[in-house]
Protein backbone atom coordinates (compact mmCIF):
# COMPACT_ATOMS: atom_id res chain seq x y z
CA MET A 1 -66.56 5.89 -87.57
CA ASP A 2 -67.76 2.29 -87.46
CA LEU A 3 -71.33 1.68 -86.29
CA ASP A 4 -73.08 -1.65 -85.86
CA LEU A 5 -75.67 -3.50 -83.80
CA VAL A 6 -75.36 -7.07 -82.48
CA VAL A 7 -78.55 -8.91 -81.56
CA LEU A 8 -77.80 -10.75 -78.32
CA GLY A 9 -81.27 -12.04 -77.47
CA SER A 10 -84.29 -12.21 -79.76
CA ALA A 11 -86.89 -14.28 -77.90
CA ALA A 12 -90.27 -13.10 -76.66
CA SER A 13 -90.90 -13.61 -72.93
CA VAL A 14 -89.16 -16.98 -72.52
CA PRO A 15 -85.86 -18.27 -73.91
CA SER A 16 -85.62 -21.18 -76.29
CA ALA A 17 -82.75 -23.44 -77.26
CA ALA A 18 -81.90 -21.06 -80.11
CA ARG A 19 -82.91 -17.69 -78.67
CA GLY A 20 -81.95 -15.80 -75.55
CA LEU A 21 -83.97 -13.08 -73.88
CA SER A 22 -84.08 -9.50 -75.09
CA SER A 23 -80.84 -7.59 -75.46
CA ALA A 24 -78.75 -5.90 -78.14
CA LEU A 25 -75.40 -4.16 -78.26
CA ILE A 26 -74.70 -0.99 -80.24
CA ARG A 27 -71.04 -0.26 -80.99
CA ARG A 28 -69.97 3.14 -82.30
CA GLY A 29 -66.25 3.64 -82.50
CA GLY A 30 -65.00 2.51 -79.10
CA ALA A 31 -68.35 3.06 -77.35
CA ARG A 32 -70.56 0.15 -76.29
CA LEU A 33 -74.24 0.66 -75.43
CA LEU A 34 -76.34 -2.26 -74.18
CA ILE A 35 -80.09 -2.11 -74.82
CA ASP A 36 -82.04 -4.27 -72.37
CA CYS A 37 -80.46 -7.04 -70.34
CA GLY A 38 -82.55 -10.17 -70.23
CA GLU A 39 -81.46 -13.20 -68.25
CA GLY A 40 -78.25 -14.64 -69.69
CA THR A 41 -77.13 -11.47 -71.45
CA GLN A 42 -73.60 -11.54 -70.05
CA ARG A 43 -73.13 -15.06 -71.41
CA GLN A 44 -74.43 -13.93 -74.80
CA LEU A 45 -71.82 -11.17 -74.74
CA MET A 46 -69.10 -13.68 -73.86
CA ARG A 47 -70.15 -15.81 -76.84
CA SER A 48 -70.07 -12.88 -79.24
CA THR A 49 -68.31 -9.55 -78.76
CA GLY A 50 -66.81 -10.34 -75.36
CA LEU A 51 -67.88 -8.98 -71.99
CA GLY A 52 -66.03 -5.70 -72.40
CA GLU A 53 -66.76 -2.52 -70.50
CA LEU A 54 -70.06 -0.82 -71.23
CA ASP A 55 -70.65 2.92 -71.49
CA ALA A 56 -74.38 2.66 -70.76
CA VAL A 57 -77.23 0.23 -70.21
CA LEU A 58 -80.46 1.47 -71.79
CA LEU A 59 -83.61 -0.30 -70.60
CA THR A 60 -86.88 -0.16 -72.53
CA HIS A 61 -89.11 -1.27 -69.65
CA LEU A 62 -88.90 -3.26 -66.44
CA HIS A 63 -90.55 -6.56 -67.33
CA ALA A 64 -88.50 -9.53 -66.16
CA ASP A 65 -87.48 -10.80 -69.60
CA HIS A 66 -85.76 -7.47 -70.31
CA VAL A 67 -83.95 -6.78 -67.03
CA LEU A 68 -83.16 -9.86 -64.97
CA GLY A 69 -79.70 -10.27 -66.46
CA LEU A 70 -78.67 -6.95 -64.94
CA PRO A 71 -77.84 -8.00 -61.33
CA GLY A 72 -75.43 -10.73 -62.39
CA MET A 73 -73.72 -8.54 -64.96
CA LEU A 74 -73.23 -5.69 -62.48
CA LYS A 75 -71.80 -8.18 -59.99
CA THR A 76 -69.37 -9.45 -62.64
CA PHE A 77 -68.21 -5.92 -63.37
CA GLY A 78 -67.68 -5.42 -59.65
CA LEU A 79 -65.64 -8.60 -59.33
CA ARG A 80 -63.45 -7.32 -62.18
CA ASP A 81 -62.81 -4.16 -60.15
CA ARG A 82 -64.47 -1.77 -62.55
CA THR A 83 -64.09 1.79 -61.27
CA GLU A 84 -65.69 3.88 -64.01
CA PRO A 85 -69.30 4.97 -63.32
CA LEU A 86 -71.95 3.16 -65.36
CA LEU A 87 -74.99 4.94 -66.74
CA ILE A 88 -78.24 2.97 -66.45
CA ALA A 89 -81.20 4.72 -68.08
CA GLY A 90 -84.79 3.63 -68.42
CA PRO A 91 -88.42 4.53 -67.81
CA PRO A 92 -89.91 5.86 -64.58
CA GLY A 93 -89.63 3.26 -61.83
CA LEU A 94 -86.02 2.38 -62.66
CA ASP A 95 -84.56 3.92 -59.51
CA ARG A 96 -86.97 2.02 -57.26
CA PHE A 97 -86.28 -1.20 -59.19
CA LEU A 98 -82.54 -0.88 -58.60
CA ARG A 99 -83.06 -0.14 -54.90
CA VAL A 100 -85.10 -3.34 -54.60
CA LEU A 101 -82.23 -5.24 -56.23
CA GLN A 102 -79.60 -3.74 -53.94
CA PRO A 103 -79.44 -6.73 -51.55
CA VAL A 104 -78.94 -9.03 -54.55
CA ILE A 105 -76.28 -6.90 -56.25
CA GLY A 106 -74.43 -5.97 -53.09
CA ARG A 107 -71.69 -3.36 -52.82
CA LEU A 108 -70.12 -2.28 -56.10
CA PRO A 109 -66.72 -0.61 -56.54
CA PHE A 110 -68.18 1.74 -59.15
CA ARG A 111 -71.03 4.25 -59.13
CA LEU A 112 -74.33 3.66 -60.91
CA GLU A 113 -75.60 6.81 -62.60
CA VAL A 114 -79.34 6.18 -62.78
CA GLU A 115 -81.49 8.23 -65.14
CA GLU A 116 -85.24 7.89 -65.41
CA THR A 117 -86.76 9.25 -68.61
CA ASP A 118 -90.13 9.25 -70.27
CA GLY A 119 -88.73 10.28 -73.61
CA MET A 120 -87.12 12.96 -75.81
CA ASP A 121 -84.23 14.25 -73.66
CA ALA A 122 -80.67 13.28 -74.65
CA THR A 123 -79.31 10.58 -72.36
CA TRP A 124 -75.85 9.90 -73.79
CA SER A 125 -73.66 11.68 -76.30
CA GLN A 126 -70.45 11.17 -78.24
CA ASP A 127 -68.74 13.13 -81.02
CA GLY A 128 -71.55 14.12 -83.38
CA CYS A 129 -74.03 11.66 -81.87
CA ILE A 130 -76.77 11.59 -79.23
CA VAL A 131 -78.90 8.83 -77.76
CA ARG A 132 -82.38 9.70 -76.55
CA ALA A 133 -85.51 7.91 -75.43
CA ILE A 134 -88.93 8.04 -77.06
CA PRO A 135 -92.25 7.11 -75.44
CA THR A 136 -93.73 3.78 -76.48
CA ASP A 137 -97.06 2.04 -75.86
CA HIS A 138 -96.78 -1.14 -73.80
CA GLY A 139 -99.28 -0.59 -71.00
CA VAL A 140 -96.49 0.05 -68.47
CA PRO A 141 -93.87 2.82 -68.35
CA SER A 142 -91.77 2.10 -71.45
CA VAL A 143 -89.45 3.82 -73.88
CA GLY A 144 -87.66 3.08 -77.11
CA TRP A 145 -84.13 4.25 -77.84
CA VAL A 146 -82.84 6.34 -80.73
CA LEU A 147 -79.21 6.85 -81.72
CA GLU A 148 -78.88 9.85 -84.02
CA GLU A 149 -75.79 11.17 -85.70
CA GLU A 150 -75.49 14.77 -86.84
CA ASP A 151 -75.14 15.48 -90.53
CA ARG A 152 -71.51 15.78 -91.58
CA PRO A 153 -69.97 18.51 -93.72
CA GLY A 154 -69.70 17.81 -97.43
CA ARG A 155 -66.48 16.64 -99.01
CA PHE A 156 -63.72 19.24 -99.15
CA ASP A 157 -62.58 20.05 -102.71
CA VAL A 158 -58.83 20.51 -102.24
CA ASP A 159 -58.11 21.36 -105.87
CA HIS A 160 -60.80 24.03 -106.02
CA ALA A 161 -59.57 25.56 -102.75
CA ARG A 162 -56.07 25.79 -104.15
CA ALA A 163 -57.38 27.33 -107.36
CA LEU A 164 -59.14 30.01 -105.29
CA GLY A 165 -55.83 30.87 -103.64
CA VAL A 166 -56.46 29.36 -100.22
CA ARG A 167 -53.27 28.71 -98.29
CA GLU A 168 -52.85 25.09 -97.25
CA GLY A 169 -52.72 24.26 -93.57
CA ALA A 170 -54.84 26.07 -91.01
CA ASP A 171 -57.07 27.76 -93.61
CA PHE A 172 -58.08 24.38 -95.01
CA GLY A 173 -59.22 23.37 -91.54
CA VAL A 174 -61.23 26.58 -91.09
CA LEU A 175 -63.10 25.94 -94.34
CA GLN A 176 -63.75 22.30 -93.46
CA ARG A 177 -65.32 23.43 -90.18
CA GLY A 178 -67.65 25.82 -92.02
CA GLY A 179 -65.74 29.08 -91.61
CA ASP A 180 -64.49 31.68 -94.10
CA VAL A 181 -60.87 32.58 -94.91
CA ILE A 182 -58.99 35.29 -96.79
CA ALA A 183 -57.21 33.97 -99.89
CA ALA A 184 -53.75 35.07 -101.05
CA ASP A 185 -55.23 37.74 -103.31
CA GLY A 186 -57.28 39.25 -100.46
CA THR A 187 -60.66 37.84 -101.52
CA THR A 188 -62.93 35.99 -99.10
CA VAL A 189 -63.44 32.29 -99.69
CA THR A 190 -66.47 30.73 -97.98
CA SER A 191 -66.90 27.11 -96.98
CA SER A 192 -69.86 26.80 -99.36
CA GLN A 193 -67.48 27.36 -102.27
CA VAL A 194 -65.30 24.37 -101.44
CA LEU A 195 -67.57 21.96 -99.55
CA GLY A 196 -70.08 19.64 -101.19
CA GLU A 197 -73.58 19.03 -99.87
CA HIS A 198 -73.91 17.92 -96.25
CA ARG A 199 -73.74 14.16 -95.79
CA SER A 200 -76.38 12.48 -93.68
CA GLY A 201 -75.59 10.82 -90.39
CA ARG A 202 -76.98 7.43 -89.39
CA THR A 203 -79.98 6.65 -87.18
CA ILE A 204 -80.88 3.52 -85.23
CA VAL A 205 -84.31 3.16 -83.62
CA TYR A 206 -84.88 0.29 -81.18
CA THR A 207 -88.46 -0.03 -79.95
CA GLY A 208 -88.47 -2.55 -77.13
CA ASP A 209 -91.96 -3.96 -76.49
CA THR A 210 -94.71 -1.75 -77.87
CA ALA A 211 -97.86 -1.57 -79.85
CA ALA A 212 -97.46 0.35 -83.10
CA CYS A 213 -97.34 4.04 -82.18
CA VAL A 214 -96.83 7.47 -83.70
CA ALA A 215 -93.73 8.25 -81.63
CA VAL A 216 -91.83 5.33 -83.15
CA ARG A 217 -92.96 6.17 -86.67
CA GLU A 218 -91.86 9.79 -86.29
CA ALA A 219 -88.52 8.92 -84.70
CA ALA A 220 -87.82 6.36 -87.43
CA HIS A 221 -88.38 8.79 -90.32
CA GLU A 222 -85.74 7.84 -92.93
CA ALA A 223 -83.76 5.94 -90.28
CA THR A 224 -80.95 3.66 -91.33
CA LEU A 225 -82.17 0.84 -89.09
CA LEU A 226 -85.41 0.14 -87.26
CA VAL A 227 -85.35 -2.76 -84.77
CA HIS A 228 -89.02 -3.38 -84.02
CA GLU A 229 -90.73 -6.04 -81.97
CA ALA A 230 -93.00 -8.49 -83.81
CA THR A 231 -94.44 -10.69 -81.09
CA PHE A 232 -97.57 -11.68 -83.05
CA LEU A 233 -98.85 -12.29 -86.55
CA GLU A 234 -101.84 -10.40 -87.88
CA VAL A 235 -104.09 -13.42 -87.30
CA ASP A 236 -103.60 -12.70 -83.58
CA ALA A 237 -103.88 -8.92 -83.86
CA ASP A 238 -106.51 -8.71 -81.11
CA ARG A 239 -104.14 -10.43 -78.69
CA ALA A 240 -101.38 -8.05 -79.72
CA ARG A 241 -103.56 -5.04 -78.91
CA GLU A 242 -104.60 -6.51 -75.56
CA THR A 243 -101.00 -7.02 -74.47
CA GLY A 244 -99.41 -3.87 -75.87
CA HIS A 245 -97.45 -5.65 -78.58
CA SER A 246 -97.12 -5.43 -82.36
CA THR A 247 -97.68 -7.82 -85.22
CA ALA A 248 -95.13 -8.25 -87.99
CA HIS A 249 -97.63 -6.44 -90.20
CA ASP A 250 -97.70 -3.49 -87.76
CA ALA A 251 -93.93 -3.26 -87.69
CA ALA A 252 -93.71 -3.37 -91.48
CA LEU A 253 -96.34 -0.65 -91.84
CA THR A 254 -94.29 1.52 -89.49
CA ALA A 255 -91.12 0.85 -91.49
CA ALA A 256 -92.84 1.63 -94.78
CA ALA A 257 -94.44 4.84 -93.49
CA ALA A 258 -91.10 5.98 -92.04
CA ASN A 259 -89.15 4.99 -95.18
CA VAL A 260 -86.40 3.25 -93.20
CA GLU A 261 -83.58 1.45 -94.97
CA LEU A 262 -83.77 -1.83 -93.06
CA LEU A 263 -86.30 -3.37 -90.66
CA VAL A 264 -85.10 -6.01 -88.21
CA LEU A 265 -87.88 -7.87 -86.39
CA THR A 266 -87.23 -9.18 -82.89
CA HIS A 267 -89.05 -10.41 -79.76
CA VAL A 268 -89.87 -13.59 -81.67
CA SER A 269 -92.53 -15.89 -80.22
CA THR A 270 -92.38 -19.67 -80.33
CA ARG A 271 -95.99 -19.55 -81.59
CA TYR A 272 -94.74 -18.98 -85.13
CA MET A 273 -92.04 -20.08 -87.52
CA PRO A 274 -89.62 -17.24 -88.29
CA ARG A 275 -90.35 -17.58 -92.01
CA GLU A 276 -94.04 -16.86 -91.30
CA ILE A 277 -93.09 -13.63 -89.50
CA GLU A 278 -90.74 -12.63 -92.29
CA ARG A 279 -93.29 -13.41 -94.99
CA GLU A 280 -95.95 -11.26 -93.32
CA ALA A 281 -93.57 -8.32 -92.92
CA ARG A 282 -92.20 -8.53 -96.45
CA GLY A 283 -95.70 -8.45 -97.85
CA VAL A 284 -95.71 -4.82 -96.72
CA PHE A 285 -92.02 -3.85 -96.58
CA ALA A 286 -89.50 -5.84 -98.61
CA ALA A 287 -86.40 -4.82 -96.62
CA SER A 288 -87.43 -6.86 -93.57
CA VAL A 289 -85.52 -9.62 -91.79
CA VAL A 290 -86.20 -11.63 -88.65
CA ALA A 291 -83.41 -11.39 -86.08
CA ARG A 292 -81.53 -14.37 -84.76
CA ASP A 293 -79.23 -14.34 -81.77
CA PHE A 294 -75.77 -13.06 -82.73
CA ASP A 295 -76.94 -11.44 -85.97
CA LEU A 296 -74.92 -8.37 -86.87
CA VAL A 297 -76.13 -5.26 -88.67
CA GLU A 298 -73.35 -3.10 -90.08
CA LEU A 299 -74.23 0.52 -90.80
CA PRO A 300 -71.72 2.21 -93.12
CA PHE A 301 -72.04 5.91 -93.86
CA PRO A 302 -74.79 6.36 -96.48
CA GLU A 303 -72.36 7.30 -99.24
CA ARG A 304 -70.58 3.97 -98.68
CA GLY A 305 -73.60 1.74 -99.09
CA ALA A 306 -76.73 0.33 -97.48
CA PRO A 307 -76.92 -1.35 -94.07
CA ARG A 308 -75.82 -4.98 -94.19
CA HIS A 309 -77.44 -7.80 -92.24
CA VAL A 310 -74.94 -10.56 -91.46
CA VAL A 311 -76.49 -13.77 -90.15
CA ARG A 312 -74.77 -14.63 -86.87
CA GLY A 313 -72.02 -12.19 -87.81
CA GLY A 314 -71.68 -11.19 -84.17
CA ARG A 315 -70.35 -14.60 -83.15
CA SER A 316 -66.71 -14.71 -82.15
CA THR A 317 -66.23 -17.76 -84.41
CA GLY A 318 -67.98 -19.21 -87.41
CA ASP A 319 -68.53 -18.40 -91.05
CA PRO A 320 -71.38 -15.87 -91.24
CA VAL A 321 -73.52 -15.48 -94.32
CA ALA A 322 -73.93 -11.90 -95.50
CA ILE A 323 -77.31 -10.60 -96.56
CA GLN A 324 -77.34 -7.22 -98.29
CA SER A 325 -80.24 -4.97 -97.33
CA THR A 326 -82.16 -3.79 -100.39
CA HIS A 327 -85.73 -2.84 -101.21
CA ASP A 328 -86.28 -5.69 -103.66
CA ASP A 329 -87.03 -9.38 -103.42
CA GLY A 330 -83.33 -10.27 -103.20
CA LEU A 331 -83.53 -10.49 -99.43
CA HIS A 332 -83.45 -14.00 -98.08
CA SER A 333 -82.79 -15.80 -94.86
CA ALA A 334 -83.38 -19.11 -93.16
CA GLU A 335 -83.80 -20.15 -89.54
């Protein structure tokens, strides 16, 4: 099943000519999950993947630069006569926030399923996959979001199954699902005899705004992708602590401690050049890149390769430049 993430907005606090406000889209199979919805998000979607139907909107916290695109997008969905309910999940205070916005949004032809969470419980699920929140540290109610896939059964050895006398058809399916069958000669054949080692699923961790914290590090343990804010450089570490944000150095330390495959830095401040942020992070964790709007991260199954960062690969047109995620100095990018 295909899995990727499109960065829709990568700016910190205020938009710039090149960067919109915080938002990202996760696509898994036919499912579409929006994380945060800063002002202008629906236009960013139109410029990239298209403003298709969403299965859920997952908010990290309720600061304006992460949520003010929501009223307009909900209104657009209403004008298109959406009828399917829409899940909106976020930290405590979300329900009150949406009630305050009710006069702005107006009547909708679909139901909003509002879920407040302070972390850990599953919020959304799909075949072999759950999405859950984790607590973060931003000085206000805030959560990060984790998409976790279950491990998959190992590869089925058809030739060995035949050699053991397993009848093709239904018995093959039983073994692939982890059951036991009776072979033609009356012996029992177990799934462990014909299945290889379990194959790992994929994990995406998206922090939202946060100071470096244990919950993120634990959730990101051996994750495929960590999308972590990097609002400040280490020279301004005191300011980062005061405001509940992270430095690029903090984010890289988290990625290194968690042994993630790829670190994508977002919430980029106009205080710094992107190459400065990237340089600081790569001094600690080589597999670090700074997000740009419309960047795409493709996440193949582990046995098919490493995650791939494609510069502006989420755009509907253009000629993106592919950057392969590795743990050496071969990573490169330019603003």
